[in-house]
C-alpha cells in the first residue's frame, strides 16, 4: 500500500530537518537565480516567505523587488489567505502559524489574480503537478479562484513519481528547484 499524506508529510519534514544550514542557503540562492532569470520583468509575483526548513525564498523575493517587481505575500485571514505587498523585512510582523506577514495595505483575496506567477510552498510535488502541502488547505482555497501560472518551490529530491491527491487539491504547473524551473505535465 502506498503511503498516505500524513506519512509523506512526516518523511518530508524529517528529510528537511536533516539538511544542513549551508545546503538550505545554497538551495535558496539557486532558486533565486532561476526565478530571477524567469520573472525579473514580471509586474507582480505572489510568493510565500519560507519558514523553518522550507527552501529559502527570501533571496528570490528580495531580488524580484530589486528588479522592480511587486511581490505579494500571504496574510492569513481566518480560513483564507489575503495578500499584501512586501516592503522589506522591517515591514513584516509575526502572523499565525509562525509565518511573517506584511504590514502594508492588503489587496484582498482577488488581488492574487493580478499576479503573473504564484510561487507556493510544498513538501512534495509529483510529475502531474499534484502538490503535498501542510494540510490546512490555505493555498488550495486561494488557487481555486485563479488561472495564473502556479509554481511550487521545492528541493530537488522533493519532485516525486506520485503524490496522493484529493478532489479539493489544486495542482501546480511547474516546480522551482535548485536545479532549475521545470514545467510539469
N, C-alpha and C. Protein backbone atom coordinates (compact mmCIF):
# COMPACT_ATOMS: atom_id res chain seq x y z
N UNK A 1 0.83 -1.18 0.00
CA UNK A 1 0.00 0.00 0.00
C UNK A 1 0.88 1.25 0.00
N UNK A 2 0.51 2.24 -0.79
CA UNK A 2 1.26 3.48 -0.87
C UNK A 2 1.07 4.30 0.40
N UNK A 3 2.11 5.05 0.78
CA UNK A 3 1.96 5.89 1.96
C UNK A 3 0.94 7.00 1.71
N UNK A 4 0.21 7.38 2.75
CA UNK A 4 -0.76 8.46 2.64
C UNK A 4 -0.10 9.80 2.91
N UNK A 5 -0.92 10.82 2.85
CA UNK A 5 -0.41 12.18 3.06
C UNK A 5 0.28 12.36 4.40
N UNK A 6 -0.29 11.88 5.52
CA UNK A 6 0.40 12.10 6.80
C UNK A 6 1.80 11.48 6.84
N UNK A 7 1.93 10.28 6.28
CA UNK A 7 3.24 9.62 6.27
C UNK A 7 4.23 10.36 5.37
N UNK A 8 3.76 10.81 4.20
CA UNK A 8 4.64 11.56 3.29
C UNK A 8 5.04 12.90 3.90
N UNK A 9 4.11 13.57 4.57
CA UNK A 9 4.45 14.83 5.24
C UNK A 9 5.53 14.61 6.29
N UNK A 10 5.34 13.58 7.11
CA UNK A 10 6.32 13.29 8.17
C UNK A 10 7.69 12.99 7.57
N UNK A 11 7.74 12.19 6.50
CA UNK A 11 9.02 11.85 5.87
C UNK A 11 9.67 13.09 5.27
N UNK A 12 8.87 13.95 4.62
CA UNK A 12 9.42 15.17 4.01
C UNK A 12 9.97 16.11 5.08
N UNK A 13 9.22 16.28 6.15
CA UNK A 13 9.69 17.17 7.23
C UNK A 13 10.94 16.63 7.89
N UNK A 14 11.02 15.30 8.04
CA UNK A 14 12.22 14.68 8.61
C UNK A 14 13.42 14.89 7.70
N UNK A 15 13.23 14.71 6.39
CA UNK A 15 14.34 14.91 5.44
C UNK A 15 14.79 16.36 5.46
N UNK A 16 13.86 17.29 5.53
CA UNK A 16 14.23 18.71 5.58
C UNK A 16 14.99 19.03 6.85
N UNK A 17 14.61 18.43 7.96
CA UNK A 17 15.28 18.70 9.23
C UNK A 17 16.74 18.23 9.20
N UNK A 18 17.03 17.24 8.38
CA UNK A 18 18.40 16.72 8.28
C UNK A 18 19.29 17.56 7.36
N UNK A 19 18.72 18.48 6.60
CA UNK A 19 19.53 19.32 5.71
C UNK A 19 20.36 20.30 6.55
N UNK A 20 21.56 20.54 6.10
CA UNK A 20 22.41 21.50 6.81
C UNK A 20 21.98 22.92 6.46
N UNK A 21 22.34 23.85 7.29
CA UNK A 21 22.05 25.26 7.02
C UNK A 21 22.73 25.69 5.72
N UNK A 22 23.94 25.20 5.48
CA UNK A 22 24.66 25.53 4.25
C UNK A 22 23.91 25.02 3.02
N UNK A 23 23.36 23.80 3.09
CA UNK A 23 22.58 23.24 1.98
C UNK A 23 21.33 24.08 1.73
N UNK A 24 20.64 24.48 2.81
CA UNK A 24 19.43 25.29 2.65
C UNK A 24 19.77 26.64 2.02
N UNK A 25 20.85 27.25 2.49
CA UNK A 25 21.25 28.55 1.95
C UNK A 25 21.60 28.43 0.46
N UNK A 26 22.35 27.41 0.09
CA UNK A 26 22.72 27.21 -1.31
C UNK A 26 21.47 26.97 -2.16
N UNK A 27 20.51 26.22 -1.63
CA UNK A 27 19.26 25.99 -2.36
C UNK A 27 18.52 27.30 -2.58
N UNK A 28 18.47 28.13 -1.56
CA UNK A 28 17.79 29.42 -1.69
C UNK A 28 18.44 30.32 -2.73
N UNK A 29 19.76 30.33 -2.78
CA UNK A 29 20.47 31.13 -3.77
C UNK A 29 20.21 30.61 -5.19
N UNK A 30 20.21 29.29 -5.35
CA UNK A 30 19.96 28.71 -6.67
C UNK A 30 18.51 28.95 -7.11
N UNK A 31 17.58 28.80 -6.21
CA UNK A 31 16.17 29.07 -6.52
C UNK A 31 16.01 30.53 -6.93
N UNK A 32 16.66 31.43 -6.23
CA UNK A 32 16.58 32.85 -6.57
C UNK A 32 17.14 33.10 -7.97
N UNK A 33 18.27 32.50 -8.28
CA UNK A 33 18.90 32.70 -9.59
C UNK A 33 17.95 32.26 -10.72
N UNK A 34 17.33 31.10 -10.57
CA UNK A 34 16.43 30.59 -11.61
C UNK A 34 15.14 31.41 -11.69
N UNK A 35 14.60 31.77 -10.54
CA UNK A 35 13.38 32.57 -10.53
C UNK A 35 13.59 33.95 -11.11
N UNK A 36 14.71 34.57 -10.77
CA UNK A 36 15.02 35.90 -11.31
C UNK A 36 15.23 35.85 -12.82
N UNK A 37 15.87 34.80 -13.31
CA UNK A 37 16.07 34.67 -14.75
C UNK A 37 14.73 34.56 -15.48
N UNK A 38 13.76 33.94 -14.84
CA UNK A 38 12.45 33.74 -15.48
C UNK A 38 11.50 34.91 -15.29
N UNK A 39 11.56 35.60 -14.14
CA UNK A 39 10.48 36.53 -13.79
C UNK A 39 10.90 37.95 -13.45
N UNK A 40 12.13 38.33 -13.69
CA UNK A 40 12.57 39.67 -13.28
C UNK A 40 11.88 40.79 -14.05
N UNK A 41 11.21 40.47 -15.14
CA UNK A 41 10.48 41.50 -15.88
C UNK A 41 8.97 41.43 -15.67
N UNK A 42 8.52 40.59 -14.76
CA UNK A 42 7.09 40.50 -14.45
C UNK A 42 6.66 41.76 -13.71
N UNK A 43 5.38 42.05 -13.73
CA UNK A 43 4.90 43.21 -12.97
C UNK A 43 4.59 42.82 -11.53
N UNK A 44 3.96 41.65 -11.34
CA UNK A 44 3.57 41.23 -9.99
C UNK A 44 3.77 39.73 -9.84
N UNK A 45 4.39 39.34 -8.75
CA UNK A 45 4.57 37.93 -8.40
C UNK A 45 3.99 37.76 -6.99
N UNK A 46 3.22 36.71 -6.79
CA UNK A 46 2.79 36.34 -5.44
C UNK A 46 3.72 35.22 -4.99
N UNK A 47 4.21 35.32 -3.79
CA UNK A 47 5.15 34.33 -3.28
C UNK A 47 4.88 34.10 -1.80
N UNK A 48 5.58 33.16 -1.24
CA UNK A 48 5.50 32.92 0.20
C UNK A 48 6.88 33.14 0.80
N UNK A 49 6.91 33.61 2.00
CA UNK A 49 8.15 33.78 2.73
C UNK A 49 8.42 32.47 3.47
N UNK A 50 9.43 31.74 3.05
CA UNK A 50 9.71 30.43 3.61
C UNK A 50 9.96 30.52 5.11
N UNK A 51 9.55 29.47 5.81
CA UNK A 51 9.78 29.36 7.24
C UNK A 51 10.51 28.06 7.54
N UNK A 52 11.24 28.05 8.63
CA UNK A 52 11.90 26.83 9.09
C UNK A 52 12.82 26.25 8.05
N UNK A 53 12.59 24.99 7.73
CA UNK A 53 13.47 24.26 6.82
C UNK A 53 12.97 24.25 5.37
N UNK A 54 11.95 25.09 5.07
CA UNK A 54 11.49 25.19 3.68
C UNK A 54 12.61 25.75 2.81
N UNK A 55 12.59 25.46 1.51
CA UNK A 55 13.58 26.08 0.62
C UNK A 55 13.47 27.61 0.75
N UNK A 56 14.57 28.28 1.07
CA UNK A 56 14.52 29.73 1.30
C UNK A 56 14.03 30.50 0.07
N UNK A 57 13.08 31.39 0.30
CA UNK A 57 12.54 32.20 -0.79
C UNK A 57 12.89 33.68 -0.64
N UNK A 58 13.45 34.09 0.49
CA UNK A 58 13.76 35.50 0.67
C UNK A 58 14.76 36.02 -0.36
N UNK A 59 15.80 35.26 -0.74
CA UNK A 59 16.68 35.78 -1.80
C UNK A 59 15.93 36.05 -3.11
N UNK A 60 14.99 35.19 -3.47
CA UNK A 60 14.18 35.40 -4.67
C UNK A 60 13.30 36.64 -4.50
N UNK A 61 12.62 36.74 -3.38
CA UNK A 61 11.72 37.87 -3.12
C UNK A 61 12.49 39.18 -3.16
N UNK A 62 13.61 39.25 -2.46
CA UNK A 62 14.42 40.48 -2.45
C UNK A 62 14.94 40.81 -3.85
N UNK A 63 15.36 39.81 -4.60
CA UNK A 63 15.84 40.03 -5.96
C UNK A 63 14.74 40.55 -6.87
N UNK A 64 13.54 40.01 -6.73
CA UNK A 64 12.43 40.49 -7.55
C UNK A 64 12.09 41.94 -7.22
N UNK A 65 12.05 42.27 -5.94
CA UNK A 65 11.76 43.65 -5.53
C UNK A 65 12.84 44.58 -6.08
N UNK A 66 14.09 44.17 -5.98
CA UNK A 66 15.20 44.98 -6.50
C UNK A 66 15.06 45.19 -8.01
N UNK A 67 14.47 44.20 -8.72
CA UNK A 67 14.27 44.32 -10.17
C UNK A 67 13.02 45.14 -10.51
N UNK A 68 12.30 45.60 -9.49
CA UNK A 68 11.12 46.43 -9.73
C UNK A 68 9.81 45.68 -9.78
N UNK A 69 9.83 44.42 -9.41
CA UNK A 69 8.62 43.59 -9.40
C UNK A 69 7.86 43.81 -8.09
N UNK A 70 6.56 43.95 -8.16
CA UNK A 70 5.73 43.97 -6.96
C UNK A 70 5.58 42.53 -6.49
N UNK A 71 5.92 42.27 -5.23
CA UNK A 71 5.79 40.92 -4.68
C UNK A 71 4.71 40.94 -3.61
N UNK A 72 3.70 40.10 -3.82
CA UNK A 72 2.62 39.96 -2.84
C UNK A 72 2.92 38.77 -1.95
N UNK A 73 2.73 38.96 -0.64
CA UNK A 73 2.90 37.87 0.31
C UNK A 73 1.55 37.56 0.95
N UNK A 74 1.36 36.31 1.38
CA UNK A 74 0.08 35.96 2.00
C UNK A 74 -0.05 36.53 3.41
N UNK A 75 -1.30 36.82 3.74
CA UNK A 75 -1.69 37.23 5.09
C UNK A 75 -2.81 36.28 5.48
N UNK A 76 -2.62 35.51 6.54
CA UNK A 76 -3.66 34.58 6.97
C UNK A 76 -4.82 35.37 7.55
N UNK A 77 -5.99 35.14 6.98
CA UNK A 77 -7.21 35.85 7.36
C UNK A 77 -8.29 34.82 7.64
N UNK A 78 -8.33 34.31 8.87
CA UNK A 78 -9.26 33.24 9.19
C UNK A 78 -8.90 32.00 8.41
N UNK A 79 -9.86 31.41 7.68
CA UNK A 79 -9.57 30.19 6.92
C UNK A 79 -8.97 30.48 5.53
N UNK A 80 -8.81 31.75 5.19
CA UNK A 80 -8.37 32.11 3.85
C UNK A 80 -7.06 32.91 3.88
N UNK A 81 -6.51 33.10 2.69
CA UNK A 81 -5.34 33.95 2.53
C UNK A 81 -5.75 35.26 1.88
N UNK A 82 -5.29 36.35 2.45
CA UNK A 82 -5.37 37.66 1.82
C UNK A 82 -3.94 37.92 1.33
N UNK A 83 -3.70 39.03 0.67
CA UNK A 83 -2.38 39.30 0.11
C UNK A 83 -2.03 40.76 0.32
N UNK A 84 -0.74 41.04 0.52
CA UNK A 84 -0.26 42.41 0.71
C UNK A 84 1.14 42.52 0.13
N UNK A 85 1.49 43.69 -0.39
CA UNK A 85 2.83 43.87 -0.98
C UNK A 85 3.93 43.77 0.08
N UNK A 86 5.00 43.14 -0.31
CA UNK A 86 6.21 43.05 0.52
C UNK A 86 6.98 44.35 0.38
N UNK A 87 7.31 44.96 1.52
CA UNK A 87 8.05 46.21 1.51
C UNK A 87 9.31 46.13 2.37
N UNK A 88 9.91 44.95 2.40
CA UNK A 88 11.15 44.75 3.13
C UNK A 88 10.93 44.10 4.47
N UNK A 89 12.02 43.58 5.05
CA UNK A 89 11.91 42.84 6.31
C UNK A 89 11.44 43.69 7.49
N UNK A 90 11.69 44.99 7.46
CA UNK A 90 11.26 45.86 8.56
C UNK A 90 9.74 46.03 8.58
N UNK A 91 9.08 45.73 7.46
CA UNK A 91 7.63 45.88 7.36
C UNK A 91 6.91 44.54 7.48
N UNK A 92 7.50 43.61 8.23
CA UNK A 92 6.89 42.31 8.49
C UNK A 92 6.59 42.17 9.97
N UNK A 93 5.51 41.48 10.28
CA UNK A 93 5.16 41.19 11.67
C UNK A 93 4.89 39.70 11.80
N UNK A 94 5.03 39.15 13.01
CA UNK A 94 4.69 37.74 13.20
C UNK A 94 3.20 37.52 12.96
N UNK A 95 2.88 36.48 12.25
CA UNK A 95 1.49 36.14 11.99
C UNK A 95 1.17 34.76 12.52
N UNK A 96 -0.04 34.29 12.26
CA UNK A 96 -0.41 32.94 12.70
C UNK A 96 0.51 31.88 12.11
N UNK A 97 0.64 30.79 12.82
CA UNK A 97 1.42 29.63 12.39
C UNK A 97 2.91 29.94 12.23
N UNK A 98 3.39 31.02 12.86
CA UNK A 98 4.80 31.38 12.79
C UNK A 98 5.23 31.96 11.46
N UNK A 99 4.27 32.43 10.67
CA UNK A 99 4.56 32.96 9.34
C UNK A 99 4.56 34.48 9.40
N UNK A 100 5.65 35.10 8.98
CA UNK A 100 5.72 36.56 8.94
C UNK A 100 4.81 37.09 7.85
N UNK A 101 4.16 38.21 8.15
CA UNK A 101 3.24 38.81 7.19
C UNK A 101 3.54 40.29 7.03
N UNK A 102 3.26 40.84 5.84
CA UNK A 102 3.49 42.27 5.62
C UNK A 102 2.50 43.13 6.39
N UNK A 103 2.96 44.32 6.75
CA UNK A 103 2.09 45.29 7.44
C UNK A 103 1.44 46.25 6.45
N UNK A 104 1.80 46.16 5.17
CA UNK A 104 1.24 47.05 4.15
C UNK A 104 -0.24 46.76 3.93
N UNK A 105 -0.91 47.66 3.25
CA UNK A 105 -2.34 47.51 2.97
C UNK A 105 -2.61 46.26 2.16
N UNK A 106 -3.61 45.54 2.56
CA UNK A 106 -3.97 44.31 1.86
C UNK A 106 -4.64 44.62 0.52
N UNK A 107 -4.45 43.71 -0.43
CA UNK A 107 -5.06 43.88 -1.74
C UNK A 107 -6.30 43.00 -1.90
N UNK A 108 -6.61 42.20 -0.90
CA UNK A 108 -7.78 41.34 -0.96
C UNK A 108 -7.47 40.01 -1.63
N UNK A 109 -8.33 39.05 -1.40
CA UNK A 109 -8.11 37.72 -1.98
C UNK A 109 -8.11 37.76 -3.49
N UNK A 110 -8.89 38.63 -4.08
CA UNK A 110 -8.95 38.74 -5.54
C UNK A 110 -7.68 39.40 -6.11
N UNK A 111 -6.91 40.06 -5.27
CA UNK A 111 -5.67 40.68 -5.72
C UNK A 111 -4.67 39.67 -6.26
N UNK A 112 -4.84 38.41 -5.86
CA UNK A 112 -3.96 37.36 -6.32
C UNK A 112 -4.05 37.18 -7.84
N UNK A 113 -5.21 37.49 -8.42
CA UNK A 113 -5.37 37.32 -9.86
C UNK A 113 -4.52 38.31 -10.66
N UNK A 114 -3.99 39.35 -10.01
CA UNK A 114 -3.11 40.31 -10.69
C UNK A 114 -1.69 39.77 -10.87
N UNK A 115 -1.37 38.70 -10.18
CA UNK A 115 -0.01 38.15 -10.24
C UNK A 115 0.23 37.44 -11.57
N UNK A 116 1.43 37.63 -12.11
CA UNK A 116 1.85 36.91 -13.31
C UNK A 116 2.21 35.47 -12.99
N UNK A 117 2.71 35.25 -11.77
CA UNK A 117 3.14 33.93 -11.29
C UNK A 117 2.82 33.87 -9.80
N UNK A 118 2.44 32.69 -9.33
CA UNK A 118 2.23 32.47 -7.90
C UNK A 118 3.18 31.37 -7.46
N UNK A 119 4.08 31.69 -6.53
CA UNK A 119 5.04 30.72 -6.00
C UNK A 119 4.51 30.23 -4.66
N UNK A 120 4.26 28.93 -4.57
CA UNK A 120 3.65 28.35 -3.38
C UNK A 120 4.59 27.37 -2.69
N UNK A 121 4.38 27.16 -1.40
CA UNK A 121 5.17 26.14 -0.70
C UNK A 121 4.64 24.75 -0.99
N UNK A 122 5.48 23.76 -0.83
CA UNK A 122 5.08 22.36 -0.98
C UNK A 122 6.10 21.49 -0.26
N UNK A 123 5.64 20.36 0.22
CA UNK A 123 6.54 19.37 0.80
C UNK A 123 6.99 18.38 -0.26
N UNK A 124 6.16 18.21 -1.27
CA UNK A 124 6.48 17.34 -2.41
C UNK A 124 5.52 17.68 -3.54
N UNK A 125 5.95 17.38 -4.75
CA UNK A 125 5.13 17.56 -5.95
C UNK A 125 5.40 16.37 -6.84
N UNK A 126 4.37 15.91 -7.54
CA UNK A 126 4.62 14.81 -8.47
C UNK A 126 4.66 15.32 -9.90
N UNK A 127 4.96 14.42 -10.82
CA UNK A 127 5.15 14.76 -12.23
C UNK A 127 3.91 15.36 -12.88
N UNK A 128 2.74 15.11 -12.30
CA UNK A 128 1.48 15.65 -12.85
C UNK A 128 1.07 16.95 -12.17
N UNK A 129 1.90 17.43 -11.25
CA UNK A 129 1.60 18.70 -10.59
C UNK A 129 0.82 18.59 -9.30
N UNK A 130 0.58 17.39 -8.83
CA UNK A 130 -0.09 17.24 -7.55
C UNK A 130 0.87 17.68 -6.45
N UNK A 131 0.38 18.54 -5.58
CA UNK A 131 1.20 19.18 -4.55
C UNK A 131 0.80 18.68 -3.17
N UNK A 132 1.80 18.30 -2.39
CA UNK A 132 1.58 17.94 -1.00
C UNK A 132 1.94 19.14 -0.14
N UNK A 133 0.93 19.72 0.49
CA UNK A 133 1.16 20.85 1.38
C UNK A 133 1.14 20.41 2.82
N UNK A 134 0.94 21.36 3.70
CA UNK A 134 0.93 21.06 5.14
C UNK A 134 -0.43 20.55 5.63
N UNK A 135 -1.45 20.63 4.78
CA UNK A 135 -2.71 20.02 5.13
C UNK A 135 -3.79 20.95 5.66
N UNK A 136 -3.55 22.24 5.63
CA UNK A 136 -4.57 23.16 6.12
C UNK A 136 -5.44 23.72 4.99
N UNK A 137 -5.02 23.56 3.74
CA UNK A 137 -5.85 23.94 2.60
C UNK A 137 -5.84 25.41 2.22
N UNK A 138 -5.01 26.24 2.87
CA UNK A 138 -4.98 27.67 2.54
C UNK A 138 -4.73 27.91 1.06
N UNK A 139 -3.69 27.28 0.53
CA UNK A 139 -3.34 27.52 -0.87
C UNK A 139 -4.34 26.88 -1.83
N UNK A 140 -4.86 25.71 -1.49
CA UNK A 140 -5.87 25.11 -2.36
C UNK A 140 -7.08 26.02 -2.51
N UNK A 141 -7.52 26.63 -1.42
CA UNK A 141 -8.66 27.55 -1.50
C UNK A 141 -8.30 28.80 -2.30
N UNK A 142 -7.12 29.34 -2.07
CA UNK A 142 -6.70 30.56 -2.79
C UNK A 142 -6.53 30.29 -4.28
N UNK A 143 -5.96 29.17 -4.63
CA UNK A 143 -5.68 28.87 -6.03
C UNK A 143 -6.91 28.47 -6.82
N UNK A 144 -7.97 28.10 -6.14
CA UNK A 144 -9.21 27.72 -6.83
C UNK A 144 -9.81 28.90 -7.58
N UNK A 145 -9.42 30.12 -7.22
CA UNK A 145 -10.01 31.32 -7.82
C UNK A 145 -9.16 31.95 -8.92
N UNK A 146 -8.01 31.35 -9.27
CA UNK A 146 -7.12 31.98 -10.23
C UNK A 146 -6.76 31.04 -11.38
N UNK A 147 -6.31 31.64 -12.48
CA UNK A 147 -5.84 30.86 -13.63
C UNK A 147 -4.37 31.16 -13.93
N UNK A 148 -3.71 31.81 -13.01
CA UNK A 148 -2.31 32.22 -13.15
C UNK A 148 -1.38 31.00 -13.06
N UNK A 149 -0.19 31.13 -13.64
CA UNK A 149 0.84 30.11 -13.53
C UNK A 149 1.17 29.89 -12.05
N UNK A 150 1.09 28.64 -11.58
CA UNK A 150 1.38 28.31 -10.20
C UNK A 150 2.62 27.43 -10.16
N UNK A 151 3.60 27.85 -9.34
CA UNK A 151 4.89 27.17 -9.26
C UNK A 151 5.18 26.83 -7.80
N UNK A 152 5.56 25.59 -7.53
CA UNK A 152 5.93 25.17 -6.18
C UNK A 152 7.44 25.26 -6.01
N UNK A 153 7.88 25.88 -4.92
CA UNK A 153 9.30 25.95 -4.58
C UNK A 153 9.64 24.73 -3.71
N UNK A 154 10.50 23.86 -4.23
CA UNK A 154 10.87 22.64 -3.53
C UNK A 154 12.36 22.35 -3.70
N UNK A 155 12.86 21.46 -2.86
CA UNK A 155 14.22 20.96 -3.03
C UNK A 155 14.22 19.95 -4.19
N UNK A 156 15.39 19.69 -4.74
CA UNK A 156 15.50 18.81 -5.90
C UNK A 156 14.90 17.42 -5.65
N UNK A 157 15.11 16.85 -4.47
CA UNK A 157 14.64 15.49 -4.20
C UNK A 157 13.16 15.43 -3.82
N UNK A 158 12.45 16.55 -3.87
CA UNK A 158 11.04 16.57 -3.50
C UNK A 158 10.10 16.47 -4.71
N UNK A 159 10.64 16.30 -5.90
CA UNK A 159 9.83 16.01 -7.07
C UNK A 159 9.71 14.49 -7.14
N UNK A 160 8.49 13.99 -6.96
CA UNK A 160 8.23 12.56 -6.81
C UNK A 160 7.49 11.99 -8.00
N UNK A 161 7.46 10.67 -8.08
CA UNK A 161 6.67 9.99 -9.12
C UNK A 161 5.19 10.20 -8.90
N UNK A 162 4.76 10.09 -7.64
CA UNK A 162 3.33 10.22 -7.34
C UNK A 162 3.17 10.80 -5.94
N UNK A 163 2.15 11.63 -5.79
CA UNK A 163 1.75 12.21 -4.51
C UNK A 163 0.25 11.97 -4.38
N UNK A 164 -0.23 11.53 -3.21
CA UNK A 164 -1.67 11.34 -3.06
C UNK A 164 -2.41 12.65 -3.32
N UNK A 165 -3.58 12.53 -3.92
CA UNK A 165 -4.35 13.72 -4.27
C UNK A 165 -5.80 13.53 -3.86
N UNK A 166 -6.40 14.61 -3.38
CA UNK A 166 -7.82 14.63 -3.04
C UNK A 166 -8.53 15.55 -4.02
N UNK A 167 -9.84 15.47 -4.06
CA UNK A 167 -10.64 16.26 -5.02
C UNK A 167 -10.42 17.76 -4.86
N UNK A 168 -10.17 18.24 -3.66
CA UNK A 168 -10.02 19.68 -3.43
C UNK A 168 -8.61 20.19 -3.68
N UNK A 169 -7.65 19.32 -3.92
CA UNK A 169 -6.26 19.73 -4.13
C UNK A 169 -6.11 20.44 -5.46
N UNK A 170 -5.41 21.57 -5.43
CA UNK A 170 -5.17 22.34 -6.65
C UNK A 170 -3.77 22.02 -7.16
N UNK A 171 -3.64 21.61 -8.42
CA UNK A 171 -2.31 21.28 -8.94
C UNK A 171 -1.46 22.52 -9.22
N UNK A 172 -0.16 22.29 -9.35
CA UNK A 172 0.76 23.34 -9.76
C UNK A 172 1.17 23.06 -11.20
N UNK A 173 1.64 24.11 -11.87
CA UNK A 173 2.04 24.00 -13.27
C UNK A 173 3.52 23.70 -13.45
N UNK A 174 4.31 24.04 -12.43
CA UNK A 174 5.76 23.91 -12.53
C UNK A 174 6.37 23.83 -11.14
N UNK A 175 7.64 23.46 -11.09
CA UNK A 175 8.40 23.49 -9.85
C UNK A 175 9.63 24.36 -10.04
N UNK A 176 9.99 25.07 -8.99
CA UNK A 176 11.22 25.86 -8.94
C UNK A 176 12.11 25.18 -7.92
N UNK A 177 13.20 24.62 -8.41
CA UNK A 177 14.12 23.85 -7.60
C UNK A 177 15.52 24.43 -7.73
N UNK A 178 16.43 24.04 -6.86
CA UNK A 178 17.82 24.48 -7.02
C UNK A 178 18.38 24.14 -8.40
N UNK A 179 17.93 23.05 -9.00
CA UNK A 179 18.44 22.68 -10.32
C UNK A 179 17.76 23.43 -11.46
N UNK A 180 16.65 24.13 -11.20
CA UNK A 180 16.02 24.92 -12.25
C UNK A 180 14.51 25.00 -12.13
N UNK A 181 13.94 25.70 -13.09
CA UNK A 181 12.50 25.86 -13.22
C UNK A 181 12.03 24.81 -14.22
N UNK A 182 11.04 24.01 -13.83
CA UNK A 182 10.61 22.90 -14.69
C UNK A 182 9.09 22.87 -14.79
N UNK A 183 8.59 22.91 -16.03
CA UNK A 183 7.15 22.75 -16.28
C UNK A 183 6.79 21.28 -16.07
N UNK A 184 5.57 21.04 -15.59
CA UNK A 184 5.11 19.68 -15.35
C UNK A 184 4.05 19.31 -16.38
N UNK A 185 3.77 18.00 -16.48
CA UNK A 185 2.77 17.50 -17.45
C UNK A 185 1.38 17.99 -17.05
